[in-house]
C-alpha atoms as a PDB file:
ATOM      1  CA  MET A   1     -31.286 -22.749  93.594  1.00  0.00           C
ATOM      2  CA  ASN A   2     -31.006 -20.110  96.470  1.00  0.00           C
ATOM      3  CA  THR A   3     -29.100 -17.072  95.091  1.00  0.00           C
ATOM      4  CA  THR A   4     -30.711 -14.791  97.605  1.00  0.00           C
ATOM      5  CA  ARG A   5     -28.217 -12.913  99.913  1.00  0.00           C
ATOM      6  CA  LEU A   6     -25.169 -13.424  97.966  1.00  0.00           C
ATOM      7  CA  GLY A   7     -22.077 -11.178  98.340  1.00  0.00           C
ATOM      8  CA  PRO A   8     -20.515  -9.515  95.143  1.00  0.00           C
ATOM      9  CA  ASN A   9     -17.645 -11.859  95.123  1.00  0.00           C
ATOM     10  CA  GLN A  10     -19.990 -14.695  95.382  1.00  0.00           C
ATOM     11  CA  ARG A  11     -22.252 -13.386  92.730  1.00  0.00           C
ATOM     12  CA  ARG A  12     -19.174 -12.883  90.281  1.00  0.00           C
ATOM     13  CA  ALA A  13     -17.635 -16.246  91.005  1.00  0.00           C
ATOM     14  CA  LEU A  14     -21.098 -17.792  89.926  1.00  0.00           C
ATOM     15  CA  GLN A  15     -21.047 -15.706  86.690  1.00  0.00           C
ATOM     16  CA  LEU A  16     -17.546 -17.033  86.102  1.00  0.00           C
ATOM     17  CA  LEU A  17     -18.267 -20.517  86.570  1.00  0.00           C
ATOM     18  CA  GLN A  18     -21.533 -20.156  84.288  1.00  0.00           C
ATOM     19  CA  GLN A  19     -19.193 -18.897  81.545  1.00  0.00           C
ATOM     20  CA  ALA A  20     -16.628 -21.796  81.987  1.00  0.00           C
ATOM     21  CA  PRO A  21     -18.295 -25.010  80.878  1.00  0.00           C
ATOM     22  CA  ALA A  22     -15.109 -26.987  81.892  1.00  0.00           C
ATOM     23  CA  GLY A  23     -14.989 -25.327  85.253  1.00  0.00           C
ATOM     24  CA  LEU A  24     -12.371 -23.399  87.234  1.00  0.00           C
ATOM     25  CA  THR A  25      -9.997 -24.346  89.967  1.00  0.00           C
ATOM     26  CA  ARG A  26      -9.620 -22.375  93.194  1.00  0.00           C
ATOM     27  CA  ALA A  27      -6.612 -20.688  91.972  1.00  0.00           C
ATOM     28  CA  GLU A  28      -8.152 -19.554  88.766  1.00  0.00           C
ATOM     29  CA  LEU A  29     -11.156 -18.261  90.858  1.00  0.00           C
ATOM     30  CA  GLN A  30      -9.122 -16.332  93.109  1.00  0.00           C
ATOM     31  CA  ALA A  31      -7.122 -14.814  90.001  1.00  0.00           C
ATOM     32  CA  GLU A  32     -10.133 -13.704  88.116  1.00  0.00           C
ATOM     33  CA  LEU A  33     -11.657 -12.480  91.337  1.00  0.00           C
ATOM     34  CA  GLY A  34      -8.493 -10.757  92.470  1.00  0.00           C
ATOM     35  CA  ILE A  35      -9.050 -12.083  95.979  1.00  0.00           C
ATOM     36  CA  GLN A  36      -5.706 -12.486  97.639  1.00  0.00           C
ATOM     37  CA  ASP A  37      -6.431 -14.118 101.017  1.00  0.00           C
ATOM     38  CA  LEU A  38      -6.728 -17.907 100.641  1.00  0.00           C
ATOM     39  CA  ARG A  39      -9.144 -18.111 103.699  1.00  0.00           C
ATOM     40  CA  SER A  40     -11.563 -15.728 102.201  1.00  0.00           C
ATOM     41  CA  MET A  41     -11.523 -17.767  98.858  1.00  0.00           C
ATOM     42  CA  GLN A  42     -11.861 -20.954 100.915  1.00  0.00           C
ATOM     43  CA  HIS A  43     -14.918 -19.526 102.803  1.00  0.00           C
ATOM     44  CA  LEU A  44     -16.545 -18.189  99.667  1.00  0.00           C
ATOM     45  CA  LEU A  45     -16.370 -21.682  97.897  1.00  0.00           C
ATOM     46  CA  LYS A  46     -17.586 -23.433 101.038  1.00  0.00           C
ATOM     47  CA  ALA A  47     -20.594 -21.320 101.059  1.00  0.00           C
ATOM     48  CA  LEU A  48     -21.410 -21.649  97.329  1.00  0.00           C
ATOM     49  CA  ARG A  49     -20.983 -25.642  97.876  1.00  0.00           C
ATOM     50  CA  GLU A  50     -23.343 -25.562 100.957  1.00  0.00           C
ATOM     51  CA  ARG A  51     -25.922 -23.781  99.187  1.00  0.00           C
ATOM     52  CA  ASP A  52     -25.706 -26.490  96.278  1.00  0.00           C
ATOM     53  CA  LEU A  53     -24.730 -23.606  93.828  1.00  0.00           C
ATOM     54  CA  ILE A  54     -21.410 -25.396  92.784  1.00  0.00           C
ATOM     55  CA  HIS A  55     -20.068 -28.637  92.789  1.00  0.00           C
ATOM     56  CA  ILE A  56     -16.647 -30.357  92.162  1.00  0.00           C
ATOM     57  CA  ALA A  57     -16.776 -31.815  88.426  1.00  0.00           C
ATOM     58  CA  ALA A  58     -13.047 -33.223  88.519  1.00  0.00           C
ATOM     59  CA  TRP A  59      -9.775 -33.040  89.860  1.00  0.00           C
ATOM     60  CA  ARG A  60      -6.780 -31.686  87.955  1.00  0.00           C
ATOM     61  CA  TYR A  61      -3.096 -31.841  88.600  1.00  0.00           C
ATOM     62  CA  GLU A  62      -1.579 -28.434  87.838  1.00  0.00           C
ATOM     63  CA  SER A  63       1.741 -28.090  89.577  1.00  0.00           C
ATOM     64  CA  ALA A  64       4.692 -30.518  89.067  1.00  0.00           C
ATOM     65  CA  GLY A  65       6.088 -29.849  92.381  1.00  0.00           C
ATOM     66  CA  ALA A  66       7.232 -32.153  95.152  1.00  0.00           C
ATOM     67  CA  SER A  67       3.897 -32.743  96.580  1.00  0.00           C
ATOM     68  CA  CYS A  68       1.682 -32.716  93.391  1.00  0.00           C
ATOM     69  CA  PRO A  69      -1.514 -31.901  95.076  1.00  0.00           C
ATOM     70  CA  ALA A  70      -4.742 -32.461  93.056  1.00  0.00           C
ATOM     71  CA  CYS A  71      -6.755 -29.395  92.781  1.00  0.00           C
ATOM     72  CA  ARG A  72     -10.740 -29.256  92.592  1.00  0.00           C
ATOM     73  CA  VAL A  73     -12.403 -28.215  89.406  1.00  0.00           C
ATOM     74  CA  PHE A  74     -15.587 -26.397  90.392  1.00  0.00           C
ATOM     75  CA  VAL A  75     -18.465 -26.032  88.066  1.00  0.00           C
ATOM     76  CA  HIS A  76     -21.837 -24.053  88.253  1.00  0.00           C
ATOM     77  CA  GLY A  77     -25.153 -26.117  89.504  1.00  0.00           C
ATOM     78  CA  PRO A  78     -25.968 -28.715  91.696  1.00  0.00           C
ATOM     79  CA  GLY A  79     -24.208 -32.316  91.398  1.00  0.00           C
ATOM     80  CA  LYS A  80     -22.762 -34.945  92.989  1.00  0.00           C
ATOM     81  CA  ASP A  81     -18.884 -34.204  93.861  1.00  0.00           C
ATOM     82  CA  ALA A  82     -16.360 -36.173  91.876  1.00  0.00           C
ATOM     83  CA  ALA A  83     -14.333 -38.600  93.978  1.00  0.00           C
ATOM     84  CA  LYS A  84     -10.650 -37.426  95.261  1.00  0.00           C
ATOM     85  CA  PRO A  85      -8.253 -39.295  93.187  1.00  0.00           C
ATOM     86  CA  ALA A  86      -5.556 -41.231  95.052  1.00  0.00           C
ATOM     87  CA  THR A  87      -2.251 -39.346  95.736  1.00  0.00           C
ATOM     88  CA  LEU A  88       0.567 -39.507  93.413  1.00  0.00           C
ATOM     89  CA  GLY A  89       3.677 -41.513  94.581  1.00  0.00           C
ATOM     90  CA  ARG A  90       6.827 -39.693  95.038  1.00  0.00           C
ATOM     91  CA  GLU A  91       8.568 -41.087  91.792  1.00  0.00           C
ATOM     92  CA  VAL A  92       5.464 -39.957  89.693  1.00  0.00           C
ATOM     93  CA  CYS A  93       5.905 -36.424  91.176  1.00  0.00           C
ATOM     94  CA  ARG A  94       9.621 -36.270  90.477  1.00  0.00           C
ATOM     95  CA  GLN A  95       8.944 -37.621  86.993  1.00  0.00           C
ATOM     96  CA  ARG A  96       6.284 -34.881  86.488  1.00  0.00           C
ATOM     97  CA  HIS A  97       8.973 -32.357  87.774  1.00  0.00           C
ATOM     98  CA  ARG A  98      11.474 -33.739  85.464  1.00  0.00           C
ATOM     99  CA  ASN A  99       9.242 -33.233  82.472  1.00  0.00           C
ATOM    100  CA  LYS A 100       8.288 -29.810  83.293  1.00  0.00           C
ATOM    101  CA  VAL A 101      11.795 -28.560  83.641  1.00  0.00           C
ATOM    102  CA  GLY A 102      13.080 -30.496  80.781  1.00  0.00           C
ATOM    103  CA  ARG A 103      14.900 -33.891  81.170  1.00  0.00           C
ATOM    104  CA  LYS A 104      18.258 -32.507  79.498  1.00  0.00           C
ATOM    105  CA  LEU A 105      18.294 -29.620  82.033  1.00  0.00           C
ATOM    106  CA  TYR A 106      17.533 -31.793  84.969  1.00  0.00           C
ATOM    107  CA  ASN A 107      20.268 -34.235  84.074  1.00  0.00           C
ATOM    108  CA  ARG A 108      22.856 -31.327  83.872  1.00  0.00           C
ATOM    109  CA  VAL A 109      21.899 -30.110  87.170  1.00  0.00           C
ATOM    110  CA  THR A 110      22.102 -33.600  88.821  1.00  0.00           C
ATOM    111  CA  GLU A 111      25.546 -33.867  87.338  1.00  0.00           C
ATOM    112  CA  ALA A 112      26.570 -30.645  88.432  1.00  0.00           C
ATOM    113  CA  ARG A 113      25.483 -31.442  91.861  1.00  0.00           C
ATOM    114  CA  LYS A 114      27.474 -34.868  92.019  1.00  0.00           C
ATOM    115  CA  ARG A 115      30.591 -32.468  90.976  1.00  0.00           C
ATOM    116  CA  GLY A 116      29.599 -30.180  93.924  1.00  0.00           C
ATOM    117  CA  ALA A 117      28.381 -27.151  92.044  1.00  0.00           C
ATOM    118  CA  VAL A 118      26.567 -24.474  93.939  1.00  0.00           C
ATOM    119  CA  ARG A 119      24.629 -23.225  90.874  1.00  0.00           C
ATOM    120  CA  LEU A 120      24.236 -23.991  87.054  1.00  0.00           C
ATOM    121  CA  VAL A 121      24.737 -20.848  84.864  1.00  0.00           C
ATOM    122  CA  LEU A 122      23.705 -21.220  81.241  1.00  0.00           C
ATOM    123  CA  GLY A 123      24.067 -18.439  78.967  1.00  0.00           C
ATOM    124  CA  GLY A 124      24.789 -16.074  81.597  1.00  0.00           C
ATOM    125  CA  VAL A 125      21.783 -16.823  83.426  1.00  0.00           C
ATOM    126  CA  THR A 126      21.494 -18.878  86.607  1.00  0.00           C
ATOM    127  CA  VAL A 127      19.157 -21.540  86.287  1.00  0.00           C
ATOM    128  CA  TRP A 128      19.653 -23.499  89.289  1.00  0.00           C
ATOM    129  CA  GLN A 129      21.065 -22.800  92.554  1.00  0.00           C
ATOM    130  CA  ARG A 130      21.571 -25.003  95.774  1.00  0.00           C
ATOM    131  CA  GLY A 131      18.992 -24.208  98.386  1.00  0.00           C
ATOM    132  CA  VAL A 132      16.683 -22.239  95.828  1.00  0.00           C
ATOM    133  CA  GLY A 133      16.133 -24.844  93.106  1.00  0.00           C
ATOM    134  CA  PHE A 134      15.236 -24.053  89.527  1.00  0.00           C
ATOM    135  CA  THR A 135      15.211 -20.058  89.157  1.00  0.00           C
ATOM    136  CA  LEU A 136      13.568 -19.950  86.032  1.00  0.00           C
ATOM    137  CA  ALA A 137      11.364 -22.152  83.821  1.00  0.00           C
ATOM    138  CA  HIS A 138      14.128 -22.508  80.856  1.00  0.00           C
ATOM    139  CA  THR A 139      13.847 -25.211  78.291  1.00  0.00           C
ATOM    140  CA  ASP A 140      16.749 -27.377  76.662  1.00  0.00           C
ATOM    141  CA  GLN A 141      16.719 -24.697  73.708  1.00  0.00           C
ATOM    142  CA  ASP A 142      17.842 -21.967  76.092  1.00  0.00           C
ATOM    143  CA  SER A 143      21.164 -23.304  76.694  1.00  0.00           C
ATOM    144  CA  ASP A 144      24.183 -22.414  74.633  1.00  0.00           C
ATOM    145  CA  GLU A 145      26.473 -24.919  72.539  1.00  0.00           C
ATOM    146  CA  LYS A 146      29.166 -25.478  75.497  1.00  0.00           C
ATOM    147  CA  GLY A 147      26.244 -26.090  78.070  1.00  0.00           C
ATOM    148  CA  GLY A 148      27.038 -22.850  79.992  1.00  0.00           C
ATOM    149  CA  MET A 149      29.494 -23.173  82.928  1.00  0.00           C
ATOM    150  CA  LEU A 150      29.603 -24.553  86.492  1.00  0.00           C
ATOM    151  CA  ASN A 151      30.149 -22.644  89.473  1.00  0.00           C
ATOM    152  CA  ALA A 152      31.516 -24.932  92.193  1.00  0.00           C
ATOM    153  CA  ALA A 153      31.910 -24.082  95.882  1.00  0.00           C
END
C-alpha cells in the first residue's frame, strides 16, 4: 500500500477506517474529519481509492427521503468494490418515509391535507407545514389526546 505523500486529512481518514471494521459512509467520515466542503471530501475519497487504500465494502440506505439514495460504505484496505444495488422504487421510498415519520402521524397529515390544512399543530408544536414538510422528527407519542389542532387556510 502506497501511503507516502498522503495529506493530513487522508491519513486521518485511513485511521478512522482502520478503527471502524464495519466501515464508514462519506457523510460519517466527513463529520468525523470536520470537512464541510462536499467536493473536497469526494476528492479525498477518490485519491484513496485510486491508491487502493480503501474500497467500497457495501451500500447502505441512510435516508428515508424522496430519492432514497444508496450510500457507499468504505473500509480500509484493497479489495473489490461491492456492486451498486438497484434503485428503490417510488413506493418503497414513500413507505420508508412513512415508517420514519410514523404511520399515525403520516396518516393525520394526509387527512389534514385533504381537508385543506396549511399546517398541523400537535401539542402546540407545528409538526407539518405545506411547502416545508415535516418540521420535527416527532413520533406518535408526542401527540396529545385530542390529536392537536388543524390550521386551515
